[in-house]
């Protein structure tokens, strides 16, 4: 099982350095918080399968005050440096309904 506790991720876009998600894990339970970009604050809660795949619900408040919620499935790829890249298939609910794919990369601490 991939351990996600304490790992931080950001979108792979070059201009996304202010958008960060911080994950926590206890057994198969996964949760996290994120912010940056248009998201003033967001949170997620879900499960991690033995192969490292994630399923979670998320909610966030945008900079204009809108509240967004949805569901996401993430598939990990372990990089040669031990970091993790995530391919996320997400769906938003409600009046902001949409579907899409996002890619996140783990932020590795520079030594």
C-alpha atoms as a PDB file:
ATOM      1  CA  UNK A   1       0.000   0.000   0.000  1.00  0.00           C
ATOM      2  CA  UNK A   2       1.202   3.502  -0.791  1.00  0.00           C
ATOM      3  CA  UNK A   3       1.344   5.675   2.314  1.00  0.00           C
ATOM      4  CA  UNK A   4      -0.137   9.126   1.704  1.00  0.00           C
ATOM      5  CA  UNK A   5       0.183  10.506   5.234  1.00  0.00           C
ATOM      6  CA  UNK A   6       2.023  13.816   5.203  1.00  0.00           C
ATOM      7  CA  UNK A   7       2.426  13.977   1.410  1.00  0.00           C
ATOM      8  CA  UNK A   8       1.738  17.250  -0.398  1.00  0.00           C
ATOM      9  CA  UNK A   9       0.572  17.582  -4.010  1.00  0.00           C
ATOM     10  CA  UNK A  10       0.003  20.343  -6.543  1.00  0.00           C
ATOM     11  CA  UNK A  11      -1.357  20.430 -10.101  1.00  0.00           C
ATOM     12  CA  UNK A  12       1.279  19.805 -12.768  1.00  0.00           C
ATOM     13  CA  UNK A  13       0.652  23.155 -14.506  1.00  0.00           C
ATOM     14  CA  UNK A  14       3.679  25.446 -14.218  1.00  0.00           C
ATOM     15  CA  UNK A  15       1.627  28.330 -12.809  1.00  0.00           C
ATOM     16  CA  UNK A  16       0.011  26.234 -10.037  1.00  0.00           C
ATOM     17  CA  UNK A  17       2.674  26.580  -7.329  1.00  0.00           C
ATOM     18  CA  UNK A  18       0.240  28.315  -4.951  1.00  0.00           C
ATOM     19  CA  UNK A  19      -2.265  25.422  -5.173  1.00  0.00           C
ATOM     20  CA  UNK A  20      -1.368  22.753  -2.615  1.00  0.00           C
ATOM     21  CA  UNK A  21      -3.154  19.698  -1.173  1.00  0.00           C
ATOM     22  CA  UNK A  22      -1.920  18.069   2.047  1.00  0.00           C
ATOM     23  CA  UNK A  23      -2.972  14.431   2.588  1.00  0.00           C
ATOM     24  CA  UNK A  24      -3.352  12.405   5.796  1.00  0.00           C
ATOM     25  CA  UNK A  25      -3.924   8.677   6.174  1.00  0.00           C
ATOM     26  CA  UNK A  26      -4.780   6.154   8.897  1.00  0.00           C
ATOM     27  CA  UNK A  27      -5.074   2.622   7.494  1.00  0.00           C
ATOM     28  CA  UNK A  28      -7.407   2.857   4.507  1.00  0.00           C
ATOM     29  CA  UNK A  29      -8.916   6.161   5.708  1.00  0.00           C
ATOM     30  CA  UNK A  30      -7.723   9.211   3.746  1.00  0.00           C
ATOM     31  CA  UNK A  31      -8.417  12.893   4.362  1.00  0.00           C
ATOM     32  CA  UNK A  32      -6.873  16.171   3.395  1.00  0.00           C
ATOM     33  CA  UNK A  33      -7.109  19.879   2.926  1.00  0.00           C
ATOM     34  CA  UNK A  34      -6.276  22.082  -0.032  1.00  0.00           C
ATOM     35  CA  UNK A  35      -6.292  25.695  -1.129  1.00  0.00           C
ATOM     36  CA  UNK A  36      -4.835  28.176  -3.562  1.00  0.00           C
ATOM     37  CA  UNK A  37      -5.859  29.348  -6.975  1.00  0.00           C
ATOM     38  CA  UNK A  38      -9.602  30.013  -6.869  1.00  0.00           C
ATOM     39  CA  UNK A  39     -10.112  27.702  -3.848  1.00  0.00           C
ATOM     40  CA  UNK A  40     -10.116  29.623  -0.567  1.00  0.00           C
ATOM     41  CA  UNK A  41     -10.340  26.321   1.305  1.00  0.00           C
ATOM     42  CA  UNK A  42     -11.170  22.739   0.468  1.00  0.00           C
ATOM     43  CA  UNK A  43     -11.297  19.360   2.146  1.00  0.00           C
ATOM     44  CA  UNK A  44     -11.540  15.732   1.087  1.00  0.00           C
ATOM     45  CA  UNK A  45     -12.399  12.455   2.812  1.00  0.00           C
ATOM     46  CA  UNK A  46     -12.250   8.951   1.397  1.00  0.00           C
ATOM     47  CA  UNK A  47     -10.452   5.634   1.168  1.00  0.00           C
ATOM     48  CA  UNK A  48      -7.166   4.267  -0.098  1.00  0.00           C
ATOM     49  CA  UNK A  49      -7.217   0.789  -1.654  1.00  0.00           C
ATOM     50  CA  UNK A  50      -4.314  -1.667  -1.162  1.00  0.00           C
ATOM     51  CA  UNK A  51      -2.938  -0.753  -4.628  1.00  0.00           C
ATOM     52  CA  UNK A  52      -2.835   2.961  -3.710  1.00  0.00           C
ATOM     53  CA  UNK A  53      -5.894   4.045  -5.687  1.00  0.00           C
ATOM     54  CA  UNK A  54      -7.967   6.717  -3.980  1.00  0.00           C
ATOM     55  CA  UNK A  55     -11.701   7.384  -3.885  1.00  0.00           C
ATOM     56  CA  UNK A  56     -12.920  10.466  -2.053  1.00  0.00           C
ATOM     57  CA  UNK A  57     -15.577  13.130  -1.787  1.00  0.00           C
ATOM     58  CA  UNK A  58     -14.478  16.754  -1.763  1.00  0.00           C
ATOM     59  CA  UNK A  59     -15.909  20.177  -1.046  1.00  0.00           C
ATOM     60  CA  UNK A  60     -14.480  23.666  -1.403  1.00  0.00           C
ATOM     61  CA  UNK A  61     -15.314  27.345  -1.107  1.00  0.00           C
ATOM     62  CA  UNK A  62     -14.154  29.443  -4.054  1.00  0.00           C
ATOM     63  CA  UNK A  63     -12.841  33.004  -3.925  1.00  0.00           C
ATOM     64  CA  UNK A  64     -16.277  34.306  -5.015  1.00  0.00           C
ATOM     65  CA  UNK A  65     -18.013  32.478  -2.130  1.00  0.00           C
ATOM     66  CA  UNK A  66     -19.447  29.623  -4.209  1.00  0.00           C
ATOM     67  CA  UNK A  67     -19.532  26.201  -2.541  1.00  0.00           C
ATOM     68  CA  UNK A  68     -18.567  23.250  -4.761  1.00  0.00           C
ATOM     69  CA  UNK A  69     -18.749  19.518  -3.997  1.00  0.00           C
ATOM     70  CA  UNK A  70     -17.906  16.379  -5.913  1.00  0.00           C
ATOM     71  CA  UNK A  71     -16.302  12.948  -6.102  1.00  0.00           C
ATOM     72  CA  UNK A  72     -12.867  11.863  -7.329  1.00  0.00           C
ATOM     73  CA  UNK A  73     -11.014   8.661  -8.215  1.00  0.00           C
ATOM     74  CA  UNK A  74      -7.198   8.915  -8.320  1.00  0.00           C
ATOM     75  CA  UNK A  75      -4.687   6.468  -9.799  1.00  0.00           C
ATOM     76  CA  UNK A  76      -1.094   6.783  -8.566  1.00  0.00           C
ATOM     77  CA  UNK A  77       2.168   6.370 -10.443  1.00  0.00           C
ATOM     78  CA  UNK A  78       5.363   6.137  -8.418  1.00  0.00           C
ATOM     79  CA  UNK A  79       8.193   8.176  -9.933  1.00  0.00           C
ATOM     80  CA  UNK A  80      11.858   7.036  -9.957  1.00  0.00           C
ATOM     81  CA  UNK A  81      12.598   9.553  -7.161  1.00  0.00           C
ATOM     82  CA  UNK A  82       9.936   7.892  -4.955  1.00  0.00           C
ATOM     83  CA  UNK A  83       7.431  10.710  -5.414  1.00  0.00           C
ATOM     84  CA  UNK A  84       3.872  10.080  -6.542  1.00  0.00           C
ATOM     85  CA  UNK A  85       1.922  11.456  -9.501  1.00  0.00           C
ATOM     86  CA  UNK A  86      -1.876  11.199  -9.412  1.00  0.00           C
ATOM     87  CA  UNK A  87      -4.278  11.032 -12.347  1.00  0.00           C
ATOM     88  CA  UNK A  88      -7.633  12.208 -11.023  1.00  0.00           C
ATOM     89  CA  UNK A  89     -10.995  11.605 -12.651  1.00  0.00           C
ATOM     90  CA  UNK A  90     -13.404  13.980 -10.942  1.00  0.00           C
ATOM     91  CA  UNK A  91     -17.054  14.917 -11.072  1.00  0.00           C
ATOM     92  CA  UNK A  92     -18.684  18.057  -9.640  1.00  0.00           C
ATOM     93  CA  UNK A  93     -22.280  18.061  -8.493  1.00  0.00           C
ATOM     94  CA  UNK A  94     -25.064  20.657  -8.501  1.00  0.00           C
ATOM     95  CA  UNK A  95     -25.276  23.766 -10.606  1.00  0.00           C
ATOM     96  CA  UNK A  96     -21.513  23.610 -11.253  1.00  0.00           C
ATOM     97  CA  UNK A  97     -21.748  20.045 -12.533  1.00  0.00           C
ATOM     98  CA  UNK A  98     -18.825  18.981 -14.678  1.00  0.00           C
ATOM     99  CA  UNK A  99     -16.442  16.088 -15.255  1.00  0.00           C
ATOM    100  CA  UNK A 100     -12.770  16.103 -16.010  1.00  0.00           C
ATOM    101  CA  UNK A 101      -9.279  14.755 -15.503  1.00  0.00           C
ATOM    102  CA  UNK A 102      -6.573  16.466 -13.473  1.00  0.00           C
ATOM    103  CA  UNK A 103      -2.967  15.545 -12.818  1.00  0.00           C
ATOM    104  CA  UNK A 104      -1.212  16.174  -9.527  1.00  0.00           C
ATOM    105  CA  UNK A 105       2.441  15.734  -8.650  1.00  0.00           C
ATOM    106  CA  UNK A 106       3.927  15.266  -5.216  1.00  0.00           C
ATOM    107  CA  UNK A 107       5.932  18.168  -3.872  1.00  0.00           C
ATOM    108  CA  UNK A 108       9.256  16.734  -2.777  1.00  0.00           C
ATOM    109  CA  UNK A 109      11.233  18.599  -0.150  1.00  0.00           C
ATOM    110  CA  UNK A 110      14.516  19.940  -1.451  1.00  0.00           C
ATOM    111  CA  UNK A 111      17.503  18.762   0.576  1.00  0.00           C
END
